[in-house]
Amino acid sequence: MRSLAALGLIALISLPFWAAAQDDPPPEEAAGALVVGVFAPRIYFQNSLARTSYANAIAAHLTAQTGVTFSGRGFATRGDFEGQVQSGRVQFAVVEAQLQAERGYPALGQGTTGGATGRAMVLAVGAGAPAAIGGLKGRTLAVVAVGAKDKSYIMNHLLQGQVPADWFKTVAARDAQGALGLVKLGKADAAFAFSGNTEGLAVAFQSRPVPLPVFVQVDKSVAADLVAKVRGALGSATAANGVFAGFGAYDAAAVARLKGDLDAAPRAAGTEPVFAAPRSTLPPVPEFLERGVLPFRAPDPAAGLAVPPPPADAF
């Protein structure tokens, strides 16, 4: 029979592997602290501790700027995040723009990179997979689970309706690192990730810039004056995460366009793909050149070629 000490040693050795597969553990929060959650699974974090550290960095900044104690908490799944929100245990959060568009959380700011609130995503492909969308028909796409309209996000917003809904087979991943891990292990052929986060994988497609995560208020009971302080403090927050470096004003128009794509049905299964024409990647051609009409009245070249009359007779 194994001794209790031996069993205890086995349990201790096994613990890290078990813990790595679980959702982010709840931190020791200060009594009365307001919680800033992070549920942005398309942002690449090395592990759950890195995600929680990011949440704590934002919380520390808000504490310093508002004089109110905040605590950070990372969330690996939508179910855990929304469960804590519904129980009143989270007051503010950084969430995917898709989730903000789906749920309508009040936005206080949005992630920015280089002054822009959008960044391109790329379709990273594994070894042996075609590096073009046209060759990926029937291949497996690792899809990061964000909300109820993940399919519309990919087919309508990222791919802009170029391919029908059944173009890919899919396998679920809970976050960006998980999706890219499936590609590297050969369990998926491709995955979308923000540009600069594909870890050397080949790129088959690059999207237009898509809205970055949004800082939202999820607890309506928070006092309005504190909400205003939090909004004002976001502009000086510098917690970087590899995709965006800080927060700026919320881009309502971009998120509205995203919501329109989410609400639309993807291209019907079985229909022919319609790939973007190559010229769509070039600078736009001026309208007057398209129509062959100059936007001004050109001078008559014959007017400058008129022969002057001979000089008057000098006799």
Protein backbone atom coordinates (compact mmCIF):
# COMPACT_ATOMS: atom_id res chain seq x y z
CA MET A 1 0.00 0.00 0.00
CA ARG A 2 1.27 3.45 -0.91
CA SER A 3 1.97 5.73 2.03
CA LEU A 4 0.06 8.96 2.52
CA ALA A 5 3.31 10.85 1.98
CA ALA A 6 3.78 9.19 -1.44
CA LEU A 7 0.21 9.94 -2.42
CA GLY A 8 0.67 13.54 -1.33
CA LEU A 9 3.81 13.83 -3.46
CA ILE A 10 1.96 12.47 -6.51
CA ALA A 11 -0.82 15.00 -5.93
CA LEU A 12 1.64 17.87 -5.71
CA ILE A 13 3.43 16.81 -8.89
CA SER A 14 0.13 16.46 -10.74
CA LEU A 15 -1.32 19.76 -9.58
CA PRO A 16 0.31 22.10 -12.12
CA PHE A 17 -0.95 19.99 -15.04
CA TRP A 18 -4.48 19.92 -13.67
CA ALA A 19 -4.43 23.64 -12.87
CA ALA A 20 -3.19 24.57 -16.33
CA ALA A 21 -6.33 23.07 -17.85
CA GLN A 22 -8.72 25.04 -15.68
CA ASP A 23 -10.17 28.52 -15.93
CA ASP A 24 -8.28 31.38 -14.30
CA PRO A 25 -8.31 30.98 -10.52
CA PRO A 26 -10.02 33.79 -8.59
CA PRO A 27 -7.43 36.12 -7.00
CA GLU A 28 -7.46 37.17 -3.39
CA GLU A 29 -9.47 40.36 -3.76
CA ALA A 30 -9.36 43.13 -1.19
CA ALA A 31 -12.56 43.49 0.78
CA GLY A 32 -14.86 45.94 -0.97
CA ALA A 33 -12.68 46.13 -4.10
CA LEU A 34 -14.35 46.72 -7.44
CA VAL A 35 -13.40 44.12 -10.03
CA VAL A 36 -12.05 44.74 -13.52
CA GLY A 37 -12.47 41.59 -15.59
CA VAL A 38 -10.70 40.66 -18.81
CA PHE A 39 -12.50 38.44 -21.28
CA ALA A 40 -10.73 38.95 -24.59
CA PRO A 41 -9.85 35.47 -25.84
CA ARG A 42 -8.59 36.70 -29.24
CA ILE A 43 -5.77 38.55 -27.43
CA TYR A 44 -2.73 36.32 -27.17
CA PHE A 45 -1.67 35.68 -23.57
CA GLN A 46 0.96 33.06 -22.80
CA ASN A 47 -1.18 31.56 -20.03
CA SER A 48 -3.91 32.34 -17.52
CA LEU A 49 -1.45 33.99 -15.13
CA ALA A 50 -0.43 36.45 -17.85
CA ARG A 51 -4.08 37.30 -18.48
CA THR A 52 -4.75 37.88 -14.79
CA SER A 53 -1.56 39.95 -14.45
CA TYR A 54 -2.82 42.16 -17.27
CA ALA A 55 -6.16 42.59 -15.47
CA ASN A 56 -4.32 43.46 -12.26
CA ALA A 57 -2.19 46.07 -14.06
CA ILE A 58 -5.32 47.86 -15.26
CA ALA A 59 -6.85 47.59 -11.78
CA ALA A 60 -3.74 49.10 -10.18
CA HIS A 61 -3.85 52.03 -12.60
CA LEU A 62 -7.52 52.71 -11.87
CA THR A 63 -6.87 52.50 -8.13
CA ALA A 64 -4.09 55.08 -8.40
CA GLN A 65 -6.14 57.41 -10.59
CA THR A 66 -9.52 57.24 -8.83
CA GLY A 67 -8.63 56.60 -5.18
CA VAL A 68 -11.02 53.60 -5.21
CA THR A 69 -9.65 50.09 -4.72
CA PHE A 70 -9.85 47.89 -7.81
CA SER A 71 -8.85 44.27 -8.30
CA GLY A 72 -8.24 42.47 -11.61
CA ARG A 73 -9.48 39.12 -12.76
CA GLY A 74 -8.97 37.20 -16.01
CA PHE A 75 -11.62 34.95 -17.51
CA ALA A 76 -10.99 32.07 -19.87
CA THR A 77 -14.57 31.37 -20.92
CA ARG A 78 -17.66 33.44 -21.64
CA GLY A 79 -19.72 31.30 -19.28
CA ASP A 80 -17.49 32.09 -16.31
CA PHE A 81 -17.34 35.77 -17.18
CA GLU A 82 -21.07 36.28 -17.63
CA GLY A 83 -21.80 34.16 -14.55
CA GLN A 84 -19.70 36.50 -12.42
CA VAL A 85 -21.27 39.55 -14.06
CA GLN A 86 -24.77 38.31 -13.36
CA SER A 87 -23.88 37.67 -9.73
CA GLY A 88 -22.63 41.26 -9.35
CA ARG A 89 -19.01 40.30 -8.79
CA VAL A 90 -17.58 42.24 -11.76
CA GLN A 91 -18.11 45.97 -12.29
CA PHE A 92 -15.96 46.81 -15.33
CA ALA A 93 -14.30 44.70 -18.00
CA VAL A 94 -12.20 44.54 -21.13
CA VAL A 95 -14.15 42.45 -23.61
CA GLU A 96 -14.03 41.58 -27.29
CA ALA A 97 -15.77 44.15 -29.47
CA GLN A 98 -17.94 41.30 -30.74
CA LEU A 99 -19.25 40.61 -27.24
CA GLN A 100 -19.85 44.31 -26.58
CA ALA A 101 -21.83 44.51 -29.84
CA GLU A 102 -23.84 41.41 -28.93
CA ARG A 103 -24.58 42.37 -25.32
CA GLY A 104 -24.75 46.16 -25.57
CA TYR A 105 -22.55 46.86 -22.54
CA PRO A 106 -21.94 50.63 -22.10
CA ALA A 107 -18.53 51.44 -23.58
CA LEU A 108 -16.08 53.70 -21.74
CA GLY A 109 -13.10 53.31 -24.06
CA GLN A 110 -11.45 51.06 -26.62
CA GLY A 111 -8.05 49.53 -27.18
CA THR A 112 -5.73 51.50 -29.46
CA THR A 113 -2.57 50.73 -31.37
CA GLY A 114 -0.70 53.54 -33.08
CA GLY A 115 -3.68 55.79 -32.46
CA ALA A 116 -6.10 53.44 -34.25
CA THR A 117 -8.91 51.41 -32.65
CA GLY A 118 -8.62 48.63 -35.21
CA ARG A 119 -5.99 46.08 -36.20
CA ALA A 120 -5.87 43.49 -38.97
CA MET A 121 -6.27 39.80 -38.27
CA VAL A 122 -4.50 37.16 -40.33
CA LEU A 123 -5.41 33.61 -41.25
CA ALA A 124 -2.43 31.56 -40.09
CA VAL A 125 -1.99 28.12 -41.66
CA GLY A 126 -0.03 25.10 -40.56
CA ALA A 127 2.57 23.03 -42.38
CA GLY A 128 1.12 21.40 -45.48
CA ALA A 129 -1.97 23.59 -45.60
CA PRO A 130 -2.52 25.79 -48.68
CA ALA A 131 -1.54 29.40 -48.08
CA ALA A 132 -4.66 30.73 -49.83
CA ILE A 133 -8.34 30.79 -48.90
CA GLY A 134 -9.31 29.11 -52.16
CA GLY A 135 -7.24 26.05 -51.27
CA LEU A 136 -8.64 25.74 -47.73
CA LYS A 137 -12.09 24.48 -48.71
CA GLY A 138 -12.99 21.57 -46.44
CA ARG A 139 -10.00 22.16 -44.17
CA THR A 140 -10.34 22.59 -40.40
CA LEU A 141 -10.43 26.10 -38.92
CA ALA A 142 -9.77 26.54 -35.19
CA VAL A 143 -12.38 29.03 -33.96
CA VAL A 144 -11.87 31.02 -30.75
CA ALA A 145 -15.11 30.89 -28.74
CA VAL A 146 -16.31 34.43 -27.98
CA GLY A 147 -20.08 34.62 -28.37
CA ALA A 148 -23.18 33.36 -30.09
CA LYS A 149 -22.22 34.85 -33.46
CA ASP A 150 -18.68 33.61 -33.94
CA LYS A 151 -19.49 32.20 -37.39
CA SER A 152 -20.85 35.51 -38.64
CA TYR A 153 -17.82 37.29 -37.20
CA ILE A 154 -15.50 35.11 -39.27
CA MET A 155 -17.49 34.71 -42.48
CA ASN A 156 -18.99 38.21 -42.68
CA HIS A 157 -16.62 40.52 -40.85
CA LEU A 158 -13.20 38.96 -41.36
CA LEU A 159 -13.72 37.29 -44.74
CA GLN A 160 -16.35 39.82 -45.90
CA GLY A 161 -18.65 37.17 -47.36
CA GLN A 162 -16.11 35.83 -49.83
CA VAL A 163 -16.82 32.17 -49.07
CA PRO A 164 -19.99 30.26 -48.09
CA ALA A 165 -20.77 29.15 -44.56
CA ASP A 166 -19.65 25.56 -45.17
CA TRP A 167 -16.22 26.45 -46.57
CA PHE A 168 -14.41 25.25 -43.43
CA LYS A 169 -14.81 22.46 -40.96
CA THR A 170 -14.39 23.89 -37.47
CA VAL A 171 -12.97 22.94 -34.11
CA ALA A 172 -13.47 25.08 -31.00
CA ALA A 173 -10.63 26.73 -29.07
CA ARG A 174 -11.10 28.77 -25.94
CA ASP A 175 -8.47 31.42 -26.76
CA ALA A 176 -5.87 32.57 -29.28
CA GLN A 177 -3.00 30.54 -27.92
CA GLY A 178 -5.20 27.44 -27.91
CA ALA A 179 -6.25 27.98 -31.53
CA LEU A 180 -2.67 28.49 -32.71
CA GLY A 181 -1.61 25.47 -30.66
CA LEU A 182 -4.12 23.29 -32.53
CA VAL A 183 -2.63 24.47 -35.82
CA LYS A 184 0.92 23.70 -34.70
CA LEU A 185 -0.10 20.25 -33.49
CA GLY A 186 -1.78 19.47 -36.79
CA LYS A 187 -5.23 19.20 -35.21
CA ALA A 188 -6.42 22.20 -37.25
CA ASP A 189 -5.25 23.60 -40.57
CA ALA A 190 -5.78 27.30 -39.88
CA ALA A 191 -6.73 29.88 -37.27
CA PHE A 192 -7.33 33.62 -37.19
CA ALA A 193 -5.08 35.73 -34.96
CA PHE A 194 -4.16 39.38 -34.74
CA SER A 195 -1.26 40.34 -37.00
CA GLY A 196 2.07 39.96 -35.25
CA ASN A 197 0.86 37.06 -33.09
CA THR A 198 1.13 34.09 -35.46
CA GLU A 199 4.49 32.77 -34.21
CA GLY A 200 6.07 32.10 -37.59
CA LEU A 201 3.11 30.35 -39.21
CA ALA A 202 2.40 31.09 -42.89
CA VAL A 203 -0.33 33.62 -43.63
CA ALA A 204 -3.09 32.85 -46.15
CA PHE A 205 -5.15 36.02 -45.75
CA GLN A 206 -5.12 39.39 -44.00
CA SER A 207 -8.36 41.11 -43.03
CA ARG A 208 -9.18 44.79 -42.98
CA PRO A 209 -8.63 46.34 -39.52
CA VAL A 210 -11.24 45.02 -37.08
CA PRO A 211 -12.36 46.70 -33.83
CA LEU A 212 -10.08 46.10 -30.86
CA PRO A 213 -11.44 45.08 -27.44
CA VAL A 214 -13.63 47.55 -25.57
CA PHE A 215 -13.53 48.69 -21.94
CA VAL A 216 -17.10 48.42 -20.65
CA GLN A 217 -19.23 48.93 -17.57
CA VAL A 218 -21.05 45.70 -16.73
CA ASP A 219 -22.57 46.69 -13.38
CA LYS A 220 -25.22 49.39 -13.74
CA SER A 221 -25.24 50.06 -9.98
CA VAL A 222 -21.84 51.79 -10.02
CA ALA A 223 -22.18 55.49 -9.19
CA ALA A 224 -22.10 57.84 -12.17
CA ASP A 225 -19.29 59.99 -10.73
CA LEU A 226 -17.05 56.92 -10.36
CA VAL A 227 -17.87 55.80 -13.90
CA ALA A 228 -16.78 59.24 -15.11
CA LYS A 229 -13.50 58.93 -13.17
CA VAL A 230 -12.82 55.52 -14.67
CA ARG A 231 -13.52 56.82 -18.18
CA GLY A 232 -11.11 59.70 -17.60
CA ALA A 233 -8.41 57.41 -16.20
CA LEU A 234 -8.39 55.06 -19.20
CA GLY A 235 -6.56 57.51 -21.43
CA SER A 236 -3.40 57.25 -19.33
CA ALA A 237 -3.49 53.46 -18.88
CA THR A 238 -0.44 51.88 -20.53
CA ALA A 239 -0.93 48.18 -19.85
CA ALA A 240 0.26 46.56 -23.11
CA ASN A 241 -0.70 43.07 -24.23
CA GLY A 242 0.97 42.52 -27.60
CA VAL A 243 -2.09 43.63 -29.59
CA PHE A 244 -2.82 47.11 -28.23
CA ALA A 245 -0.93 49.36 -25.85
CA GLY A 246 -3.60 51.52 -24.23
CA PHE A 247 -7.12 52.90 -24.48
CA GLY A 248 -8.69 55.71 -26.45
CA ALA A 249 -12.16 56.90 -27.39
CA TYR A 250 -14.72 54.28 -28.32
CA ASP A 251 -15.26 53.96 -32.09
CA ALA A 252 -19.04 53.56 -32.17
CA ALA A 253 -19.22 53.63 -35.97
CA ALA A 254 -16.77 50.74 -36.39
CA VAL A 255 -18.58 48.62 -33.80
CA ALA A 256 -21.92 49.43 -35.47
CA ARG A 257 -20.52 48.07 -38.75
CA LEU A 258 -19.37 45.00 -36.88
CA LYS A 259 -22.83 44.53 -35.39
CA GLY A 260 -24.35 44.73 -38.87
CA ASP A 261 -22.08 41.91 -40.00
CA LEU A 262 -22.91 39.87 -36.90
CA ASP A 263 -26.63 40.22 -37.49
CA ALA A 264 -26.41 39.20 -41.15
CA ALA A 265 -26.53 35.55 -42.19
CA PRO A 266 -23.32 34.16 -43.72
CA ARG A 267 -23.28 33.33 -47.44
CA ALA A 268 -25.51 30.30 -48.03
CA ALA A 269 -23.81 26.91 -47.89
CA GLY A 270 -22.99 25.41 -51.25
CA THR A 271 -22.79 28.71 -53.14
CA GLU A 272 -19.76 29.70 -55.17
CA PRO A 273 -17.06 31.79 -53.49
CA VAL A 274 -16.57 35.38 -54.59
CA PHE A 275 -12.99 36.33 -53.91
CA ALA A 276 -11.97 39.98 -53.76
CA ALA A 277 -10.54 41.28 -57.01
CA PRO A 278 -6.78 42.02 -56.91
CA ARG A 279 -7.45 45.72 -57.52
CA SER A 280 -9.16 45.93 -54.11
CA THR A 281 -5.70 45.92 -52.55
CA LEU A 282 -4.51 48.86 -54.66
CA PRO A 283 -5.15 52.58 -54.10
CA PRO A 284 -8.55 53.64 -55.48
CA VAL A 285 -8.65 54.95 -59.02
CA PRO A 286 -9.99 58.54 -59.24
CA GLU A 287 -13.57 58.62 -60.47
CA PHE A 288 -12.81 60.91 -63.42
CA LEU A 289 -10.30 58.35 -64.74
CA GLU A 290 -12.88 55.57 -64.36
CA ARG A 291 -15.37 57.62 -66.44
CA GLY A 292 -12.77 58.96 -68.86
CA VAL A 293 -13.83 62.55 -68.17
CA LEU A 294 -11.45 65.19 -66.89
CA PRO A 295 -12.68 67.20 -63.86
CA PHE A 296 -11.70 70.51 -65.54
CA ARG A 297 -11.86 72.11 -68.98
CA ALA A 298 -8.58 71.52 -70.79
CA PRO A 299 -7.25 74.38 -72.95
CA ASP A 300 -7.57 74.01 -76.68
CA PRO A 301 -4.10 73.00 -77.90
CA ALA A 302 -4.84 74.46 -81.35
CA ALA A 303 -5.08 77.91 -79.83
CA GLY A 304 -1.36 77.94 -79.14
CA LEU A 305 -0.50 76.80 -82.63
CA ALA A 306 -2.14 79.66 -84.58
CA VAL A 307 0.20 81.24 -87.18
CA PRO A 308 0.62 85.01 -86.52
CA PRO A 309 -0.24 87.38 -89.40
CA PRO A 310 2.71 88.72 -91.46
CA PRO A 311 4.12 92.12 -90.46
CA ALA A 312 2.73 95.22 -92.20
CA ASP A 313 4.46 96.37 -95.36
CA ALA A 314 7.37 98.67 -94.60
CA PHE A 315 7.46 100.19 -98.09
